[in-house]
Amino acid sequence: MQDRETMKRGAFRAVCQSTNNKPHNRHYLTVVETIMPWIADEIYEDEFMVDNPEEMPSLFFMLRTDNKVGVLTDHGFLDIIYDTYETNNRDCSFRLIRKDKKRARRANWWQPGGKRFT
């Protein structure tokens, strides 16, 4: 989704919650939860090239603001502060590279190492 004022993009999910405990006549309320706040100029899809997509995750999202990138998976996101990234398809992992640092940050799909959500 995109914020009209800032034109930044965020990620959200709809969660259906029961409002009563009646098994045959349940009422539900749909709540929108923030996965990632309005921080990205662009969000685009990328994927790991895995042999068994049923057994291994393949889809993730790259976040971009100006010339910086970050990562969004089902398990969290990393801030948009990296200059580039590389993927390791076998391990479903990332190397996030900043030009001002000597070492790259390593993360994987299950533990992106940044902001977490449940």
N, C-alpha and C. Protein backbone atom coordinates (compact mmCIF):
# COMPACT_ATOMS: atom_id res chain seq x y z
N MET A 1 0.84 -1.17 0.00
CA MET A 1 0.00 0.00 0.00
C MET A 1 0.89 1.24 0.00
N GLN A 2 0.32 2.33 -0.43
CA GLN A 2 1.08 3.57 -0.52
C GLN A 2 0.36 4.70 0.22
N ASP A 3 1.14 5.44 1.02
CA ASP A 3 0.61 6.58 1.75
C ASP A 3 0.43 7.75 0.78
N ARG A 4 -0.71 8.38 0.77
CA ARG A 4 -0.99 9.47 -0.18
C ARG A 4 -0.14 10.71 0.05
N GLU A 5 0.14 11.01 1.31
CA GLU A 5 0.90 12.23 1.61
C GLU A 5 2.38 12.08 1.34
N THR A 6 2.98 11.00 1.85
CA THR A 6 4.43 10.84 1.72
C THR A 6 4.84 10.07 0.47
N MET A 7 3.88 9.36 -0.14
CA MET A 7 4.12 8.48 -1.29
C MET A 7 5.04 7.32 -0.94
N LYS A 8 5.22 7.04 0.35
CA LYS A 8 6.01 5.90 0.80
C LYS A 8 5.12 4.66 0.83
N ARG A 9 5.76 3.52 0.72
CA ARG A 9 5.03 2.25 0.73
C ARG A 9 5.29 1.50 2.04
N GLY A 10 4.28 0.75 2.46
CA GLY A 10 4.39 -0.08 3.64
C GLY A 10 3.77 -1.44 3.34
N ALA A 11 3.84 -2.34 4.30
CA ALA A 11 3.26 -3.66 4.12
C ALA A 11 2.32 -3.94 5.28
N PHE A 12 1.18 -4.52 4.96
CA PHE A 12 0.13 -4.77 5.94
C PHE A 12 -0.48 -6.13 5.68
N ARG A 13 -1.17 -6.67 6.69
CA ARG A 13 -1.92 -7.90 6.49
C ARG A 13 -3.25 -7.80 7.21
N ALA A 14 -4.24 -8.48 6.65
CA ALA A 14 -5.57 -8.54 7.25
C ALA A 14 -5.66 -9.80 8.10
N VAL A 15 -6.11 -9.63 9.34
CA VAL A 15 -6.27 -10.75 10.26
C VAL A 15 -7.73 -10.81 10.67
N CYS A 16 -8.32 -11.97 10.49
CA CYS A 16 -9.72 -12.17 10.84
C CYS A 16 -9.79 -12.70 12.26
N GLN A 17 -10.46 -11.98 13.15
CA GLN A 17 -10.55 -12.37 14.56
C GLN A 17 -12.00 -12.59 14.94
N SER A 18 -12.24 -13.65 15.71
CA SER A 18 -13.58 -13.93 16.20
C SER A 18 -13.92 -12.94 17.32
N THR A 19 -15.15 -12.44 17.30
CA THR A 19 -15.57 -11.50 18.34
C THR A 19 -16.43 -12.17 19.41
N ASN A 20 -16.75 -13.47 19.20
CA ASN A 20 -17.51 -14.21 20.22
C ASN A 20 -17.09 -15.67 20.17
N ASN A 21 -17.56 -16.46 21.12
CA ASN A 21 -17.18 -17.87 21.19
C ASN A 21 -18.32 -18.81 20.81
N LYS A 22 -19.31 -18.33 20.11
CA LYS A 22 -20.43 -19.18 19.71
C LYS A 22 -20.01 -20.01 18.48
N PRO A 23 -19.98 -21.34 18.62
CA PRO A 23 -19.46 -22.16 17.53
C PRO A 23 -20.29 -22.10 16.25
N HIS A 24 -21.60 -21.95 16.35
CA HIS A 24 -22.44 -21.98 15.15
C HIS A 24 -22.82 -20.60 14.63
N ASN A 25 -22.53 -19.57 15.39
CA ASN A 25 -22.92 -18.23 14.97
C ASN A 25 -21.80 -17.25 15.31
N ARG A 26 -20.62 -17.50 14.80
CA ARG A 26 -19.48 -16.63 15.12
C ARG A 26 -19.55 -15.34 14.33
N HIS A 27 -19.12 -14.30 14.98
CA HIS A 27 -18.99 -13.02 14.32
C HIS A 27 -17.50 -12.71 14.22
N TYR A 28 -17.09 -12.14 13.12
CA TYR A 28 -15.68 -11.87 12.90
C TYR A 28 -15.43 -10.40 12.64
N LEU A 29 -14.26 -9.99 13.03
CA LEU A 29 -13.80 -8.63 12.80
C LEU A 29 -12.47 -8.73 12.07
N THR A 30 -12.36 -8.04 10.96
CA THR A 30 -11.10 -8.04 10.23
C THR A 30 -10.28 -6.85 10.68
N VAL A 31 -9.06 -7.13 11.11
CA VAL A 31 -8.15 -6.11 11.62
C VAL A 31 -6.95 -6.03 10.69
N VAL A 32 -6.51 -4.83 10.39
CA VAL A 32 -5.32 -4.65 9.57
C VAL A 32 -4.13 -4.42 10.48
N GLU A 33 -3.11 -5.27 10.33
CA GLU A 33 -1.89 -5.15 11.13
C GLU A 33 -0.76 -4.62 10.27
N THR A 34 0.06 -3.77 10.86
CA THR A 34 1.23 -3.25 10.15
C THR A 34 2.35 -4.27 10.21
N ILE A 35 2.84 -4.67 9.05
CA ILE A 35 4.01 -5.54 8.97
C ILE A 35 5.26 -4.67 8.89
N MET A 36 5.18 -3.64 8.07
CA MET A 36 6.30 -2.71 7.90
C MET A 36 5.70 -1.31 7.72
N PRO A 37 6.16 -0.31 8.46
CA PRO A 37 5.59 1.04 8.33
C PRO A 37 5.92 1.66 6.97
N TRP A 38 5.40 2.84 6.74
CA TRP A 38 5.58 3.57 5.48
C TRP A 38 7.04 4.05 5.36
N ILE A 39 7.94 3.20 4.87
CA ILE A 39 9.34 3.60 4.79
C ILE A 39 9.97 3.41 3.42
N ALA A 40 9.31 2.71 2.52
CA ALA A 40 9.93 2.36 1.23
C ALA A 40 9.36 3.19 0.09
N ASP A 41 10.24 3.57 -0.85
CA ASP A 41 9.77 4.19 -2.09
C ASP A 41 9.23 3.12 -3.03
N GLU A 42 9.87 1.95 -3.01
CA GLU A 42 9.45 0.84 -3.86
C GLU A 42 9.51 -0.46 -3.06
N ILE A 43 8.63 -1.37 -3.38
CA ILE A 43 8.69 -2.74 -2.88
C ILE A 43 8.56 -3.62 -4.10
N TYR A 44 9.54 -4.49 -4.30
CA TYR A 44 9.44 -5.38 -5.45
C TYR A 44 9.77 -6.80 -5.05
N GLU A 45 9.19 -7.72 -5.78
CA GLU A 45 9.30 -9.15 -5.48
C GLU A 45 10.57 -9.73 -6.07
N ASP A 46 11.17 -10.63 -5.33
CA ASP A 46 12.32 -11.39 -5.81
C ASP A 46 12.15 -12.80 -5.26
N GLU A 47 12.95 -13.73 -5.70
CA GLU A 47 12.81 -15.07 -5.17
C GLU A 47 14.11 -15.84 -5.25
N PHE A 48 14.22 -16.79 -4.33
CA PHE A 48 15.33 -17.73 -4.38
C PHE A 48 14.98 -18.80 -5.41
N MET A 49 15.97 -19.27 -6.12
CA MET A 49 15.77 -20.35 -7.08
C MET A 49 16.03 -21.65 -6.34
N VAL A 50 14.97 -22.26 -5.83
CA VAL A 50 15.09 -23.48 -5.03
C VAL A 50 14.53 -24.67 -5.80
N ASP A 51 15.04 -25.86 -5.48
CA ASP A 51 14.59 -27.08 -6.16
C ASP A 51 13.19 -27.49 -5.73
N ASN A 52 12.90 -27.36 -4.44
CA ASN A 52 11.61 -27.77 -3.90
C ASN A 52 10.91 -26.60 -3.23
N PRO A 53 10.15 -25.80 -3.99
CA PRO A 53 9.48 -24.65 -3.37
C PRO A 53 8.50 -25.03 -2.26
N GLU A 54 8.02 -26.29 -2.28
CA GLU A 54 7.10 -26.73 -1.22
C GLU A 54 7.84 -26.88 0.10
N GLU A 55 9.12 -27.20 0.05
CA GLU A 55 9.91 -27.44 1.25
C GLU A 55 10.72 -26.23 1.69
N MET A 56 11.08 -25.38 0.77
CA MET A 56 11.91 -24.22 1.06
C MET A 56 11.18 -22.95 0.64
N PRO A 57 11.37 -21.87 1.37
CA PRO A 57 10.76 -20.60 0.94
C PRO A 57 11.44 -20.11 -0.33
N SER A 58 10.71 -19.41 -1.13
CA SER A 58 11.34 -18.87 -2.33
C SER A 58 11.07 -17.38 -2.49
N LEU A 59 9.95 -16.89 -2.03
CA LEU A 59 9.55 -15.51 -2.27
C LEU A 59 10.00 -14.58 -1.15
N PHE A 60 10.55 -13.44 -1.52
CA PHE A 60 10.84 -12.36 -0.57
C PHE A 60 10.68 -11.05 -1.30
N PHE A 61 10.73 -9.94 -0.57
CA PHE A 61 10.54 -8.63 -1.16
C PHE A 61 11.76 -7.76 -0.88
N MET A 62 12.15 -7.02 -1.87
CA MET A 62 13.22 -6.04 -1.71
C MET A 62 12.58 -4.67 -1.55
N LEU A 63 13.14 -3.91 -0.66
CA LEU A 63 12.66 -2.56 -0.37
C LEU A 63 13.68 -1.58 -0.90
N ARG A 64 13.23 -0.50 -1.47
CA ARG A 64 14.17 0.49 -2.01
C ARG A 64 13.70 1.89 -1.64
N THR A 65 14.66 2.70 -1.19
CA THR A 65 14.46 4.12 -0.97
C THR A 65 15.71 4.81 -1.47
N ASP A 66 15.55 5.75 -2.38
CA ASP A 66 16.67 6.39 -3.05
C ASP A 66 17.55 5.28 -3.66
N ASN A 67 18.80 5.20 -3.30
CA ASN A 67 19.69 4.16 -3.83
C ASN A 67 20.01 3.08 -2.80
N LYS A 68 19.20 2.95 -1.78
CA LYS A 68 19.43 1.98 -0.71
C LYS A 68 18.39 0.86 -0.77
N VAL A 69 18.78 -0.34 -0.28
CA VAL A 69 17.86 -1.48 -0.29
C VAL A 69 17.74 -2.10 1.09
N GLY A 70 16.66 -2.81 1.31
CA GLY A 70 16.41 -3.61 2.50
C GLY A 70 15.66 -4.86 2.07
N VAL A 71 15.31 -5.72 3.02
CA VAL A 71 14.67 -7.00 2.73
C VAL A 71 13.43 -7.16 3.61
N LEU A 72 12.38 -7.75 3.04
CA LEU A 72 11.16 -8.08 3.77
C LEU A 72 10.84 -9.55 3.50
N THR A 73 10.70 -10.36 4.57
CA THR A 73 10.27 -11.76 4.44
C THR A 73 9.06 -11.97 5.33
N ASP A 74 8.59 -13.19 5.39
CA ASP A 74 7.47 -13.51 6.27
C ASP A 74 7.83 -13.37 7.75
N HIS A 75 9.11 -13.23 8.06
CA HIS A 75 9.57 -13.21 9.45
C HIS A 75 10.14 -11.87 9.89
N GLY A 76 10.06 -10.85 9.09
CA GLY A 76 10.55 -9.54 9.50
C GLY A 76 11.16 -8.78 8.34
N PHE A 77 11.75 -7.63 8.67
CA PHE A 77 12.38 -6.82 7.63
C PHE A 77 13.63 -6.16 8.16
N LEU A 78 14.50 -5.80 7.24
CA LEU A 78 15.72 -5.05 7.55
C LEU A 78 15.57 -3.64 7.06
N ASP A 79 16.09 -2.69 7.81
CA ASP A 79 16.02 -1.29 7.40
C ASP A 79 16.65 -1.08 6.03
N ILE A 80 16.22 -0.04 5.37
CA ILE A 80 16.66 0.26 4.01
C ILE A 80 17.93 1.11 4.09
N ILE A 81 19.06 0.45 4.36
CA ILE A 81 20.32 1.18 4.55
C ILE A 81 21.47 0.57 3.76
N TYR A 82 21.19 -0.45 2.96
CA TYR A 82 22.25 -1.18 2.26
C TYR A 82 22.37 -0.70 0.80
N ASP A 83 23.57 -0.81 0.27
CA ASP A 83 23.80 -0.36 -1.10
C ASP A 83 23.44 -1.42 -2.13
N THR A 84 23.65 -2.67 -1.80
CA THR A 84 23.33 -3.76 -2.72
C THR A 84 23.17 -5.05 -1.92
N TYR A 85 22.76 -6.10 -2.59
CA TYR A 85 22.58 -7.38 -1.93
C TYR A 85 22.92 -8.52 -2.88
N GLU A 86 23.24 -9.66 -2.30
CA GLU A 86 23.45 -10.88 -3.04
C GLU A 86 22.63 -11.96 -2.34
N THR A 87 22.21 -12.97 -3.10
CA THR A 87 21.45 -14.06 -2.49
C THR A 87 22.20 -15.38 -2.65
N ASN A 88 21.95 -16.27 -1.71
CA ASN A 88 22.47 -17.63 -1.77
C ASN A 88 21.23 -18.52 -1.84
N ASN A 89 20.97 -19.06 -3.02
CA ASN A 89 19.76 -19.85 -3.24
C ASN A 89 19.74 -21.13 -2.40
N ARG A 90 20.87 -21.76 -2.23
CA ARG A 90 20.93 -23.02 -1.50
C ARG A 90 20.51 -22.83 -0.04
N ASP A 91 20.97 -21.74 0.59
CA ASP A 91 20.68 -21.49 2.00
C ASP A 91 19.52 -20.53 2.24
N CYS A 92 18.94 -19.99 1.17
CA CYS A 92 17.89 -18.97 1.30
C CYS A 92 18.39 -17.84 2.20
N SER A 93 19.57 -17.33 1.87
CA SER A 93 20.18 -16.28 2.69
C SER A 93 20.59 -15.09 1.84
N PHE A 94 20.91 -14.01 2.53
CA PHE A 94 21.27 -12.74 1.90
C PHE A 94 22.63 -12.27 2.40
N ARG A 95 23.35 -11.57 1.56
CA ARG A 95 24.49 -10.76 1.96
C ARG A 95 24.09 -9.33 1.62
N LEU A 96 23.98 -8.50 2.62
CA LEU A 96 23.59 -7.11 2.43
C LEU A 96 24.84 -6.24 2.60
N ILE A 97 25.13 -5.46 1.59
CA ILE A 97 26.42 -4.78 1.51
C ILE A 97 26.24 -3.28 1.61
N ARG A 98 27.04 -2.69 2.50
CA ARG A 98 27.12 -1.23 2.61
C ARG A 98 28.52 -0.82 2.20
N LYS A 99 28.63 0.18 1.37
CA LYS A 99 29.94 0.63 0.88
C LYS A 99 30.81 1.21 1.99
N ASP A 100 30.18 1.72 3.06
CA ASP A 100 30.94 2.34 4.14
C ASP A 100 31.36 1.33 5.22
N LYS A 101 31.07 0.05 5.03
CA LYS A 101 31.45 -1.00 5.99
C LYS A 101 32.36 -2.01 5.30
N LYS A 102 33.28 -2.58 6.07
CA LYS A 102 34.19 -3.58 5.51
C LYS A 102 33.52 -4.93 5.34
N ARG A 103 32.58 -5.25 6.22
CA ARG A 103 31.94 -6.56 6.18
C ARG A 103 30.47 -6.42 5.81
N ALA A 104 29.99 -7.40 5.07
CA ALA A 104 28.57 -7.43 4.71
C ALA A 104 27.76 -8.02 5.86
N ARG A 105 26.51 -7.67 5.93
CA ARG A 105 25.62 -8.26 6.91
C ARG A 105 25.01 -9.51 6.29
N ARG A 106 24.99 -10.57 7.07
CA ARG A 106 24.39 -11.81 6.59
C ARG A 106 23.07 -12.03 7.32
N ALA A 107 22.08 -12.47 6.57
CA ALA A 107 20.77 -12.75 7.12
C ALA A 107 20.16 -13.88 6.31
N ASN A 108 19.11 -14.49 6.85
CA ASN A 108 18.42 -15.50 6.06
C ASN A 108 16.92 -15.25 6.09
N TRP A 109 16.19 -16.04 5.32
CA TRP A 109 14.77 -15.83 5.16
C TRP A 109 14.03 -15.95 6.48
N TRP A 110 14.46 -16.88 7.35
CA TRP A 110 13.78 -17.15 8.61
C TRP A 110 14.14 -16.14 9.69
N GLN A 111 15.34 -15.58 9.60
CA GLN A 111 15.81 -14.62 10.60
C GLN A 111 16.49 -13.46 9.87
N PRO A 112 15.67 -12.55 9.33
CA PRO A 112 16.30 -11.44 8.62
C PRO A 112 17.16 -10.57 9.52
N GLY A 113 16.98 -10.67 10.83
CA GLY A 113 17.88 -9.97 11.75
C GLY A 113 17.50 -8.54 12.03
N GLY A 114 16.42 -8.10 11.48
CA GLY A 114 16.00 -6.73 11.69
C GLY A 114 14.74 -6.66 12.52
N LYS A 115 13.80 -5.87 12.10
CA LYS A 115 12.55 -5.69 12.82
C LYS A 115 11.70 -6.94 12.65
N ARG A 116 11.12 -7.39 13.74
CA ARG A 116 10.32 -8.61 13.71
C ARG A 116 8.86 -8.30 13.92
N PHE A 117 8.04 -9.16 13.38
CA PHE A 117 6.61 -9.09 13.63
C PHE A 117 6.11 -10.50 13.84
N THR A 118 4.92 -10.64 14.43
CA THR A 118 4.38 -11.97 14.70
C THR A 118 3.19 -12.24 13.83
